[in-house]
Amino acid sequence: VTPGTYRSQLHFNTCHVEFKDIPTR
């Protein structure tokens, strides 16, 4: 919809995504 808003997927993730490692069985 708005190309160029973020430089890349990584840029978007850095700004908005939180990754957490959780232990799973």
PDB file of all heavy atoms in Angstrom:
ATOM      1  N   VAL A   1       0.820  -1.208   0.000  1.00  0.00           N
ATOM      2  CA  VAL A   1       0.000   0.000   0.000  1.00  0.00           C
ATOM      3  C   VAL A   1       0.861   1.268   0.000  1.00  0.00           C
ATOM      4  O   VAL A   1       0.562   2.222  -0.712  1.00  0.00           O
ATOM      5  CB  VAL A   1      -0.974  -0.009   1.199  1.00  0.00           C
ATOM      6  CG1 VAL A   1      -1.757   1.283   1.284  1.00  0.00           C
ATOM      7  CG2 VAL A   1      -1.925  -1.198   1.075  1.00  0.00           C
ATOM      8  N   THR A   2       1.932   1.275   0.788  1.00  0.00           N
ATOM      9  CA  THR A   2       2.820   2.441   0.864  1.00  0.00           C
ATOM     10  C   THR A   2       4.271   1.978   0.754  1.00  0.00           C
ATOM     11  O   THR A   2       4.971   1.885   1.764  1.00  0.00           O
ATOM     12  CB  THR A   2       2.616   3.231   2.177  1.00  0.00           C
ATOM     13  OG1 THR A   2       2.800   2.337   3.277  1.00  0.00           O
ATOM     14  CG2 THR A   2       1.252   3.866   2.254  1.00  0.00           C
ATOM     15  N   PRO A   3       4.715   1.662  -0.445  1.00  0.00           N
ATOM     16  CA  PRO A   3       6.074   1.135  -0.627  1.00  0.00           C
ATOM     17  C   PRO A   3       7.127   2.086  -0.061  1.00  0.00           C
ATOM     18  O   PRO A   3       7.004   3.296  -0.163  1.00  0.00           O
ATOM     19  CB  PRO A   3       6.224   1.014  -2.142  1.00  0.00           C
ATOM     20  CG  PRO A   3       4.876   1.196  -2.719  1.00  0.00           C
ATOM     21  CD  PRO A   3       4.023   1.862  -1.698  1.00  0.00           C
ATOM     22  N   GLY A   4       8.158   1.492   0.547  1.00  0.00           N
ATOM     23  CA  GLY A   4       9.263   2.294   1.058  1.00  0.00           C
ATOM     24  C   GLY A   4       9.069   2.831   2.463  1.00  0.00           C
ATOM     25  O   GLY A   4       9.940   3.515   2.993  1.00  0.00           O
ATOM     26  N   THR A   5       7.938   2.524   3.092  1.00  0.00           N
ATOM     27  CA  THR A   5       7.730   2.977   4.464  1.00  0.00           C
ATOM     28  C   THR A   5       8.814   2.401   5.367  1.00  0.00           C
ATOM     29  O   THR A   5       9.300   3.070   6.274  1.00  0.00           O
ATOM     30  CB  THR A   5       6.333   2.564   4.970  1.00  0.00           C
ATOM     31  OG1 THR A   5       5.346   3.129   4.106  1.00  0.00           O
ATOM     32  CG2 THR A   5       6.091   3.030   6.389  1.00  0.00           C
ATOM     33  N   TYR A   6       9.198   1.170   5.110  1.00  0.00           N
ATOM     34  CA  TYR A   6      10.287   0.509   5.836  1.00  0.00           C
ATOM     35  C   TYR A   6      11.341   0.092   4.820  1.00  0.00           C
ATOM     36  O   TYR A   6      11.013  -0.246   3.681  1.00  0.00           O
ATOM     37  CB  TYR A   6       9.772  -0.710   6.612  1.00  0.00           C
ATOM     38  CG  TYR A   6       8.773  -0.321   7.670  1.00  0.00           C
ATOM     39  CD1 TYR A   6       7.410  -0.356   7.413  1.00  0.00           C
ATOM     40  CD2 TYR A   6       9.198   0.116   8.917  1.00  0.00           C
ATOM     41  CE1 TYR A   6       6.486   0.032   8.374  1.00  0.00           C
ATOM     42  CE2 TYR A   6       8.285   0.504   9.893  1.00  0.00           C
ATOM     43  CZ  TYR A   6       6.941   0.465   9.610  1.00  0.00           C
ATOM     44  OH  TYR A   6       6.044   0.845  10.566  1.00  0.00           O
ATOM     45  N   ARG A   7      12.599   0.112   5.225  1.00  0.00           N
ATOM     46  CA  ARG A   7      13.693  -0.255   4.318  1.00  0.00           C
ATOM     47  C   ARG A   7      13.661  -1.731   3.962  1.00  0.00           C
ATOM     48  O   ARG A   7      14.070  -2.116   2.872  1.00  0.00           O
ATOM     49  CB  ARG A   7      15.039   0.097   4.945  1.00  0.00           C
ATOM     50  CG  ARG A   7      15.267   1.595   5.084  1.00  0.00           C
ATOM     51  CD  ARG A   7      16.665   1.917   5.600  1.00  0.00           C
ATOM     52  NE  ARG A   7      16.963   1.369   6.904  1.00  0.00           N
ATOM     53  CZ  ARG A   7      16.684   1.958   8.064  1.00  0.00           C
ATOM     54  NH1 ARG A   7      16.098   3.128   8.080  1.00  0.00           N
ATOM     55  NH2 ARG A   7      16.995   1.373   9.202  1.00  0.00           N
ATOM     56  N   SER A   8      13.172  -2.563   4.875  1.00  0.00           N
ATOM     57  CA  SER A   8      13.167  -4.006   4.657  1.00  0.00           C
ATOM     58  C   SER A   8      12.292  -4.656   5.727  1.00  0.00           C
ATOM     59  O   SER A   8      11.842  -3.999   6.673  1.00  0.00           O
ATOM     60  CB  SER A   8      14.593  -4.565   4.770  1.00  0.00           C
ATOM     61  OG  SER A   8      15.074  -4.375   6.094  1.00  0.00           O
ATOM     62  N   GLN A   9      12.123  -5.968   5.581  1.00  0.00           N
ATOM     63  CA  GLN A   9      11.405  -6.739   6.608  1.00  0.00           C
ATOM     64  C   GLN A   9      12.152  -6.624   7.937  1.00  0.00           C
ATOM     65  O   GLN A   9      11.536  -6.485   8.992  1.00  0.00           O
ATOM     66  CB  GLN A   9      11.294  -8.202   6.181  1.00  0.00           C
ATOM     67  CG  GLN A   9      10.660  -9.100   7.221  1.00  0.00           C
ATOM     68  CD  GLN A   9       9.149  -9.059   7.213  1.00  0.00           C
ATOM     69  OE1 GLN A   9       8.550  -9.226   6.157  1.00  0.00           O
ATOM     70  NE2 GLN A   9       8.521  -8.876   8.355  1.00  0.00           N
ATOM     71  N   LEU A  10      13.466  -6.668   7.876  1.00  0.00           N
ATOM     72  CA  LEU A  10      14.267  -6.556   9.093  1.00  0.00           C
ATOM     73  C   LEU A  10      14.035  -5.212   9.780  1.00  0.00           C
ATOM     74  O   LEU A  10      13.897  -5.142  11.004  1.00  0.00           O
ATOM     75  CB  LEU A  10      15.758  -6.748   8.780  1.00  0.00           C
ATOM     76  CG  LEU A  10      16.710  -6.609   9.963  1.00  0.00           C
ATOM     77  CD1 LEU A  10      16.416  -7.655  11.036  1.00  0.00           C
ATOM     78  CD2 LEU A  10      18.160  -6.731   9.485  1.00  0.00           C
ATOM     79  N   HIS A  11      13.963  -4.135   9.015  1.00  0.00           N
ATOM     80  CA  HIS A  11      13.698  -2.810   9.578  1.00  0.00           C
ATOM     81  C   HIS A  11      12.333  -2.783  10.269  1.00  0.00           C
ATOM     82  O   HIS A  11      12.188  -2.284  11.388  1.00  0.00           O
ATOM     83  CB  HIS A  11      13.779  -1.752   8.463  1.00  0.00           C
ATOM     84  CG  HIS A  11      13.513  -0.359   8.937  1.00  0.00           C
ATOM     85  ND1 HIS A  11      12.817   0.547   8.182  1.00  0.00           N
ATOM     86  CD2 HIS A  11      13.835   0.289  10.079  1.00  0.00           C
ATOM     87  CE1 HIS A  11      12.714   1.695   8.835  1.00  0.00           C
ATOM     88  NE2 HIS A  11      13.333   1.558  10.001  1.00  0.00           N
ATOM     89  N   PHE A  12      11.321  -3.352   9.600  1.00  0.00           N
ATOM     90  CA  PHE A  12       9.987  -3.435  10.189  1.00  0.00           C
ATOM     91  C   PHE A  12      10.037  -4.218  11.498  1.00  0.00           C
ATOM     92  O   PHE A  12       9.498  -3.787  12.519  1.00  0.00           O
ATOM     93  CB  PHE A  12       9.022  -4.103   9.205  1.00  0.00           C
ATOM     94  CG  PHE A  12       7.650  -4.354   9.772  1.00  0.00           C
ATOM     95  CD1 PHE A  12       6.706  -3.349   9.799  1.00  0.00           C
ATOM     96  CD2 PHE A  12       7.314  -5.599  10.288  1.00  0.00           C
ATOM     97  CE1 PHE A  12       5.438  -3.575  10.325  1.00  0.00           C
ATOM     98  CE2 PHE A  12       6.052  -5.837  10.818  1.00  0.00           C
ATOM     99  CZ  PHE A  12       5.115  -4.825  10.830  1.00  0.00           C
ATOM    100  N   ASN A  13      10.709  -5.391  11.463  1.00  0.00           N
ATOM    101  CA  ASN A  13      10.803  -6.223  12.671  1.00  0.00           C
ATOM    102  C   ASN A  13      11.504  -5.492  13.797  1.00  0.00           C
ATOM    103  O   ASN A  13      11.088  -5.563  14.961  1.00  0.00           O
ATOM    104  CB  ASN A  13      11.537  -7.527  12.367  1.00  0.00           C
ATOM    105  CG  ASN A  13      10.724  -8.465  11.506  1.00  0.00           C
ATOM    106  OD1 ASN A  13       9.523  -8.255  11.287  1.00  0.00           O
ATOM    107  ND2 ASN A  13      11.359  -9.487  10.994  1.00  0.00           N
ATOM    108  N   THR A  14      12.572  -4.782  13.474  1.00  0.00           N
ATOM    109  CA  THR A  14      13.315  -4.036  14.488  1.00  0.00           C
ATOM    110  C   THR A  14      12.429  -2.987  15.159  1.00  0.00           C
ATOM    111  O   THR A  14      12.507  -2.777  16.368  1.00  0.00           O
ATOM    112  CB  THR A  14      14.550  -3.359  13.863  1.00  0.00           C
ATOM    113  OG1 THR A  14      15.357  -4.370  13.258  1.00  0.00           O
ATOM    114  CG2 THR A  14      15.355  -2.607  14.894  1.00  0.00           C
ATOM    115  N   CYS A  15      11.577  -2.358  14.380  1.00  0.00           N
ATOM    116  CA  CYS A  15      10.698  -1.306  14.916  1.00  0.00           C
ATOM    117  C   CYS A  15       9.496  -1.852  15.681  1.00  0.00           C
ATOM    118  O   CYS A  15       9.049  -1.226  16.637  1.00  0.00           O
ATOM    119  CB  CYS A  15      10.188  -0.430  13.778  1.00  0.00           C
ATOM    120  SG  CYS A  15      11.442   0.547  12.959  1.00  0.00           S
ATOM    121  N   HIS A  16       8.963  -3.007  15.268  1.00  0.00           N
ATOM    122  CA  HIS A  16       7.650  -3.397  15.774  1.00  0.00           C
ATOM    123  C   HIS A  16       7.499  -4.811  16.316  1.00  0.00           C
ATOM    124  O   HIS A  16       6.462  -5.132  16.880  1.00  0.00           O
ATOM    125  CB  HIS A  16       6.600  -3.230  14.668  1.00  0.00           C
ATOM    126  CG  HIS A  16       6.529  -1.851  14.124  1.00  0.00           C
ATOM    127  ND1 HIS A  16       6.063  -0.783  14.839  1.00  0.00           N
ATOM    128  CD2 HIS A  16       6.908  -1.359  12.920  1.00  0.00           C
ATOM    129  CE1 HIS A  16       6.123   0.311  14.109  1.00  0.00           C
ATOM    130  NE2 HIS A  16       6.634  -0.017  12.931  1.00  0.00           N
ATOM    131  N   VAL A  17       8.470  -5.661  16.109  1.00  0.00           N
ATOM    132  CA  VAL A  17       8.288  -7.066  16.473  1.00  0.00           C
ATOM    133  C   VAL A  17       9.211  -7.417  17.630  1.00  0.00           C
ATOM    134  O   VAL A  17      10.374  -7.057  17.642  1.00  0.00           O
ATOM    135  CB  VAL A  17       8.575  -7.993  15.269  1.00  0.00           C
ATOM    136  CG1 VAL A  17       8.429  -9.451  15.666  1.00  0.00           C
ATOM    137  CG2 VAL A  17       7.633  -7.657  14.119  1.00  0.00           C
ATOM    138  N   GLU A  18       8.654  -8.108  18.600  1.00  0.00           N
ATOM    139  CA  GLU A  18       9.451  -8.587  19.724  1.00  0.00           C
ATOM    140  C   GLU A  18       9.506 -10.103  19.652  1.00  0.00           C
ATOM    141  O   GLU A  18       8.484 -10.768  19.582  1.00  0.00           O
ATOM    142  CB  GLU A  18       8.807  -8.159  21.044  1.00  0.00           C
ATOM    143  CG  GLU A  18       9.577  -8.605  22.248  1.00  0.00           C
ATOM    144  CD  GLU A  18       8.952  -8.107  23.542  1.00  0.00           C
ATOM    145  OE1 GLU A  18       8.266  -7.083  23.535  1.00  0.00           O
ATOM    146  OE2 GLU A  18       9.152  -8.788  24.563  1.00  0.00           O
ATOM    147  N   PHE A  19      10.707 -10.622  19.600  1.00  0.00           N
ATOM    148  CA  PHE A  19      10.890 -12.069  19.549  1.00  0.00           C
ATOM    149  C   PHE A  19      11.254 -12.554  20.941  1.00  0.00           C
ATOM    150  O   PHE A  19      12.090 -11.961  21.603  1.00  0.00           O
ATOM    151  CB  PHE A  19      12.015 -12.441  18.567  1.00  0.00           C
ATOM    152  CG  PHE A  19      11.678 -12.155  17.137  1.00  0.00           C
ATOM    153  CD1 PHE A  19      11.976 -10.935  16.560  1.00  0.00           C
ATOM    154  CD2 PHE A  19      11.037 -13.113  16.370  1.00  0.00           C
ATOM    155  CE1 PHE A  19      11.663 -10.675  15.244  1.00  0.00           C
ATOM    156  CE2 PHE A  19      10.724 -12.871  15.043  1.00  0.00           C
ATOM    157  CZ  PHE A  19      11.036 -11.640  14.478  1.00  0.00           C
ATOM    158  N   LYS A  20      10.621 -13.606  21.369  1.00  0.00           N
ATOM    159  CA  LYS A  20      10.935 -14.193  22.665  1.00  0.00           C
ATOM    160  C   LYS A  20      11.149 -15.681  22.474  1.00  0.00           C
ATOM    161  O   LYS A  20      10.402 -16.336  21.765  1.00  0.00           O
ATOM    162  CB  LYS A  20       9.791 -13.977  23.667  1.00  0.00           C
ATOM    163  CG  LYS A  20       9.599 -12.556  24.089  1.00  0.00           C
ATOM    164  CD  LYS A  20       8.523 -12.458  25.158  1.00  0.00           C
ATOM    165  CE  LYS A  20       8.379 -11.024  25.601  1.00  0.00           C
ATOM    166  NZ  LYS A  20       7.395 -10.878  26.656  1.00  0.00           N
ATOM    167  N   ASP A  21      12.168 -16.191  23.110  1.00  0.00           N
ATOM    168  CA  ASP A  21      12.381 -17.639  23.104  1.00  0.00           C
ATOM    169  C   ASP A  21      11.699 -18.208  24.330  1.00  0.00           C
ATOM    170  O   ASP A  21      11.961 -17.779  25.450  1.00  0.00           O
ATOM    171  CB  ASP A  21      13.875 -17.976  23.153  1.00  0.00           C
ATOM    172  CG  ASP A  21      14.546 -17.758  21.815  1.00  0.00           C
ATOM    173  OD1 ASP A  21      13.828 -17.740  20.804  1.00  0.00           O
ATOM    174  OD2 ASP A  21      15.774 -17.607  21.783  1.00  0.00           O
ATOM    175  N   ILE A  22      10.785 -19.138  24.104  1.00  0.00           N
ATOM    176  CA  ILE A  22      10.104 -19.773  25.219  1.00  0.00           C
ATOM    177  C   ILE A  22      10.374 -21.271  25.136  1.00  0.00           C
ATOM    178  O   ILE A  22      10.420 -21.842  24.043  1.00  0.00           O
ATOM    179  CB  ILE A  22       8.588 -19.494  25.211  1.00  0.00           C
ATOM    180  CG1 ILE A  22       7.953 -19.981  23.896  1.00  0.00           C
ATOM    181  CG2 ILE A  22       8.286 -18.022  25.419  1.00  0.00           C
ATOM    182  CD1 ILE A  22       6.463 -19.992  23.924  1.00  0.00           C
ATOM    183  N   PRO A  23      10.575 -21.902  26.261  1.00  0.00           N
ATOM    184  CA  PRO A  23      10.812 -23.348  26.217  1.00  0.00           C
ATOM    185  C   PRO A  23       9.509 -24.084  25.929  1.00  0.00           C
ATOM    186  O   PRO A  23       8.460 -23.745  26.467  1.00  0.00           O
ATOM    187  CB  PRO A  23      11.335 -23.659  27.615  1.00  0.00           C
ATOM    188  CG  PRO A  23      10.847 -22.539  28.465  1.00  0.00           C
ATOM    189  CD  PRO A  23      10.665 -21.341  27.585  1.00  0.00           C
ATOM    190  N   THR A  24       9.582 -25.037  25.048  1.00  0.00           N
ATOM    191  CA  THR A  24       8.397 -25.837  24.733  1.00  0.00           C
ATOM    192  C   THR A  24       8.758 -27.311  24.793  1.00  0.00           C
ATOM    193  O   THR A  24       9.903 -27.692  24.578  1.00  0.00           O
ATOM    194  CB  THR A  24       7.866 -25.519  23.319  1.00  0.00           C
ATOM    195  OG1 THR A  24       8.904 -25.745  22.384  1.00  0.00           O
ATOM    196  CG2 THR A  24       7.380 -24.097  23.224  1.00  0.00           C
ATOM    197  N   ARG A  25       7.767 -28.112  25.082  1.00  0.00           N
ATOM    198  CA  ARG A  25       7.980 -29.559  25.101  1.00  0.00           C
ATOM    199  C   ARG A  25       7.780 -30.066  23.687  1.00  0.00           C
ATOM    200  O   ARG A  25       6.751 -29.839  23.075  1.00  0.00           O
ATOM    201  CB  ARG A  25       6.986 -30.217  26.049  1.00  0.00           C
ATOM    202  CG  ARG A  25       7.260 -29.893  27.505  1.00  0.00           C
ATOM    203  CD  ARG A  25       6.172 -30.452  28.398  1.00  0.00           C
ATOM    204  NE  ARG A  25       5.843 -31.839  28.112  1.00  0.00           N
ATOM    205  CZ  ARG A  25       6.251 -32.880  28.839  1.00  0.00           C
ATOM    206  NH1 ARG A  25       6.973 -32.673  29.915  1.00  0.00           N
ATOM    207  NH2 ARG A  25       5.915 -34.111  28.520  1.00  0.00           N
TER     208      ARG A  25
END
